[in-house]
Amino acid sequence: MNRDHEEHLLAFGASQRHDFDVDAWVQLAKSGLVSRDEVVATALFLAGGYWYGHEDGLFRVAEQLSPGSVGHFAERARAAEFNCSRFDSMLKTRIAHESRHP
């Protein structure tokens, strides 16, 4: 995943934290701004965490975009070159800052 795609997914993920919409995630994958693999990896990553919420919806996103991907996060993360620790840290920081300074 390149930095532009990562930045787009970080902004999108932060905006979806409180106003989650499965269809918006699917549309993001179809938009061409980021790849389908990147959206699937992001959705699976966030669904598997304890802090983001929306687990059921995120698993639906992954399954809609890539049937059979649920339960195969490591494979999907490799396909998207997804850096878990970097994304996790950056998204948590962005959400924390944005909640303090809307």
C-alpha atoms as a PDB file:
ATOM      1  CA  MET A   1       0.000   0.000   0.000  1.00  0.00           C
ATOM      2  CA  ASN A   2       1.448   3.358  -0.917  1.00  0.00           C
ATOM      3  CA  ARG A   3       1.314   6.401   1.371  1.00  0.00           C
ATOM      4  CA  ASP A   4      -1.448   8.136  -0.621  1.00  0.00           C
ATOM      5  CA  HIS A   5      -3.690   5.083  -0.322  1.00  0.00           C
ATOM      6  CA  GLU A   6      -2.823   4.721   3.348  1.00  0.00           C
ATOM      7  CA  GLU A   7      -3.701   8.388   3.962  1.00  0.00           C
ATOM      8  CA  HIS A   8      -7.025   7.978   2.195  1.00  0.00           C
ATOM      9  CA  LEU A   9      -7.872   4.880   4.247  1.00  0.00           C
ATOM     10  CA  LEU A  10      -6.855   6.626   7.477  1.00  0.00           C
ATOM     11  CA  ALA A  11      -9.112   9.601   6.757  1.00  0.00           C
ATOM     12  CA  PHE A  12     -11.943   7.321   5.694  1.00  0.00           C
ATOM     13  CA  GLY A  13     -11.516   5.029   8.711  1.00  0.00           C
ATOM     14  CA  ALA A  14     -11.536   7.977  11.105  1.00  0.00           C
ATOM     15  CA  SER A  15     -14.681   9.403   9.511  1.00  0.00           C
ATOM     16  CA  GLN A  16     -16.426   6.013   9.678  1.00  0.00           C
ATOM     17  CA  ARG A  17     -15.673   5.403  13.369  1.00  0.00           C
ATOM     18  CA  HIS A  18     -18.932   6.978  14.518  1.00  0.00           C
ATOM     19  CA  ASP A  19     -20.962   7.081  11.293  1.00  0.00           C
ATOM     20  CA  PHE A  20     -20.274   3.593   9.981  1.00  0.00           C
ATOM     21  CA  ASP A  21     -21.834   2.643   6.636  1.00  0.00           C
ATOM     22  CA  VAL A  22     -21.138  -0.690   4.907  1.00  0.00           C
ATOM     23  CA  ASP A  23     -22.151   0.742   1.532  1.00  0.00           C
ATOM     24  CA  ALA A  24     -19.628   3.588   1.872  1.00  0.00           C
ATOM     25  CA  TRP A  25     -16.845   1.032   2.329  1.00  0.00           C
ATOM     26  CA  VAL A  26     -17.983  -0.911  -0.726  1.00  0.00           C
ATOM     27  CA  GLN A  27     -18.185   2.299  -2.760  1.00  0.00           C
ATOM     28  CA  LEU A  28     -14.667   3.260  -1.640  1.00  0.00           C
ATOM     29  CA  ALA A  29     -13.374  -0.029  -3.056  1.00  0.00           C
ATOM     30  CA  LYS A  30     -15.190   0.623  -6.328  1.00  0.00           C
ATOM     31  CA  SER A  31     -14.032   4.251  -6.561  1.00  0.00           C
ATOM     32  CA  GLY A  32     -10.464   3.424  -7.604  1.00  0.00           C
ATOM     33  CA  LEU A  33      -9.005   5.753  -4.940  1.00  0.00           C
ATOM     34  CA  VAL A  34      -7.641   2.664  -3.189  1.00  0.00           C
ATOM     35  CA  SER A  35      -7.590  -0.966  -4.213  1.00  0.00           C
ATOM     36  CA  ARG A  36     -10.201  -3.538  -3.316  1.00  0.00           C
ATOM     37  CA  ASP A  37      -7.454  -5.570  -1.575  1.00  0.00           C
ATOM     38  CA  GLU A  38      -6.563  -2.553   0.571  1.00  0.00           C
ATOM     39  CA  VAL A  39     -10.176  -2.014   1.639  1.00  0.00           C
ATOM     40  CA  VAL A  40     -10.601  -5.706   2.429  1.00  0.00           C
ATOM     41  CA  ALA A  41      -7.387  -5.810   4.474  1.00  0.00           C
ATOM     42  CA  THR A  42      -8.380  -2.640   6.339  1.00  0.00           C
ATOM     43  CA  ALA A  43     -11.876  -3.938   7.078  1.00  0.00           C
ATOM     44  CA  LEU A  44     -10.557  -7.287   8.316  1.00  0.00           C
ATOM     45  CA  PHE A  45      -7.886  -5.606  10.417  1.00  0.00           C
ATOM     46  CA  LEU A  46     -10.359  -3.270  12.102  1.00  0.00           C
ATOM     47  CA  ALA A  47     -12.942  -6.043  12.566  1.00  0.00           C
ATOM     48  CA  GLY A  48     -10.365  -8.175  14.348  1.00  0.00           C
ATOM     49  CA  GLY A  49      -9.418  -5.439  16.793  1.00  0.00           C
ATOM     50  CA  TYR A  50     -11.121  -4.647  20.037  1.00  0.00           C
ATOM     51  CA  TRP A  51     -11.195  -0.867  19.902  1.00  0.00           C
ATOM     52  CA  TYR A  52     -12.739   0.281  16.596  1.00  0.00           C
ATOM     53  CA  GLY A  53     -16.174  -1.329  16.812  1.00  0.00           C
ATOM     54  CA  HIS A  54     -18.492  -2.252  13.924  1.00  0.00           C
ATOM     55  CA  GLU A  55     -17.070  -5.780  13.719  1.00  0.00           C
ATOM     56  CA  ASP A  56     -20.118  -7.336  12.043  1.00  0.00           C
ATOM     57  CA  GLY A  57     -20.326  -4.571   9.453  1.00  0.00           C
ATOM     58  CA  LEU A  58     -16.618  -4.734   8.699  1.00  0.00           C
ATOM     59  CA  PHE A  59     -16.778  -8.492   8.200  1.00  0.00           C
ATOM     60  CA  ARG A  60     -19.737  -7.896   5.823  1.00  0.00           C
ATOM     61  CA  VAL A  61     -17.634  -5.402   3.872  1.00  0.00           C
ATOM     62  CA  ALA A  62     -14.782  -7.894   3.509  1.00  0.00           C
ATOM     63  CA  GLU A  63     -17.108 -10.723   2.514  1.00  0.00           C
ATOM     64  CA  GLN A  64     -18.946  -8.575  -0.034  1.00  0.00           C
ATOM     65  CA  LEU A  65     -15.738  -7.377  -1.667  1.00  0.00           C
ATOM     66  CA  SER A  66     -13.827 -10.646  -1.427  1.00  0.00           C
ATOM     67  CA  PRO A  67     -15.988 -13.704  -0.733  1.00  0.00           C
ATOM     68  CA  GLY A  68     -14.193 -16.158   1.521  1.00  0.00           C
ATOM     69  CA  SER A  69     -11.745 -13.563   2.874  1.00  0.00           C
ATOM     70  CA  VAL A  70     -13.081 -13.627   6.433  1.00  0.00           C
ATOM     71  CA  GLY A  71     -10.719 -15.737   8.498  1.00  0.00           C
ATOM     72  CA  HIS A  72      -7.819 -15.069   6.112  1.00  0.00           C
ATOM     73  CA  PHE A  73      -6.535 -11.711   7.318  1.00  0.00           C
ATOM     74  CA  ALA A  74      -2.824 -12.556   7.014  1.00  0.00           C
ATOM     75  CA  GLU A  75      -3.241 -13.520   3.368  1.00  0.00           C
ATOM     76  CA  ARG A  76      -5.272 -10.394   2.576  1.00  0.00           C
ATOM     77  CA  ALA A  77      -2.802  -8.160   4.441  1.00  0.00           C
ATOM     78  CA  ARG A  78       0.097  -9.596   2.419  1.00  0.00           C
ATOM     79  CA  ALA A  79      -1.792  -9.066  -0.838  1.00  0.00           C
ATOM     80  CA  ALA A  80      -2.357  -5.401   0.050  1.00  0.00           C
ATOM     81  CA  GLU A  81       1.096  -4.881   1.608  1.00  0.00           C
ATOM     82  CA  PHE A  82      -0.771  -3.709   4.711  1.00  0.00           C
ATOM     83  CA  ASN A  83       1.403  -2.514   7.617  1.00  0.00           C
ATOM     84  CA  CYS A  84      -0.744  -3.387  10.644  1.00  0.00           C
ATOM     85  CA  SER A  85       1.191  -1.670  13.396  1.00  0.00           C
ATOM     86  CA  ARG A  86       1.690   1.524  11.404  1.00  0.00           C
ATOM     87  CA  PHE A  87      -1.968   1.740  10.386  1.00  0.00           C
ATOM     88  CA  ASP A  88      -3.189   0.949  13.901  1.00  0.00           C
ATOM     89  CA  SER A  89      -1.023   3.599  15.508  1.00  0.00           C
ATOM     90  CA  MET A  90      -1.773   6.263  12.923  1.00  0.00           C
ATOM     91  CA  LEU A  91      -5.533   5.680  12.974  1.00  0.00           C
ATOM     92  CA  LYS A  92      -5.734   5.724  16.782  1.00  0.00           C
ATOM     93  CA  THR A  93      -3.726   8.952  16.858  1.00  0.00           C
ATOM     94  CA  ARG A  94      -5.863  10.570  14.173  1.00  0.00           C
ATOM     95  CA  ILE A  95      -9.104   9.636  15.920  1.00  0.00           C
ATOM     96  CA  ALA A  96      -7.791  10.905  19.267  1.00  0.00           C
ATOM     97  CA  HIS A  97      -6.692  14.230  17.796  1.00  0.00           C
ATOM     98  CA  GLU A  98      -9.839  14.741  15.774  1.00  0.00           C
ATOM     99  CA  SER A  99     -12.052  14.013  18.778  1.00  0.00           C
ATOM    100  CA  ARG A 100     -10.199  16.670  20.792  1.00  0.00           C
ATOM    101  CA  HIS A 101     -10.068  19.234  17.988  1.00  0.00           C
ATOM    102  CA  PRO A 102     -13.141  18.823  15.760  1.00  0.00           C
END
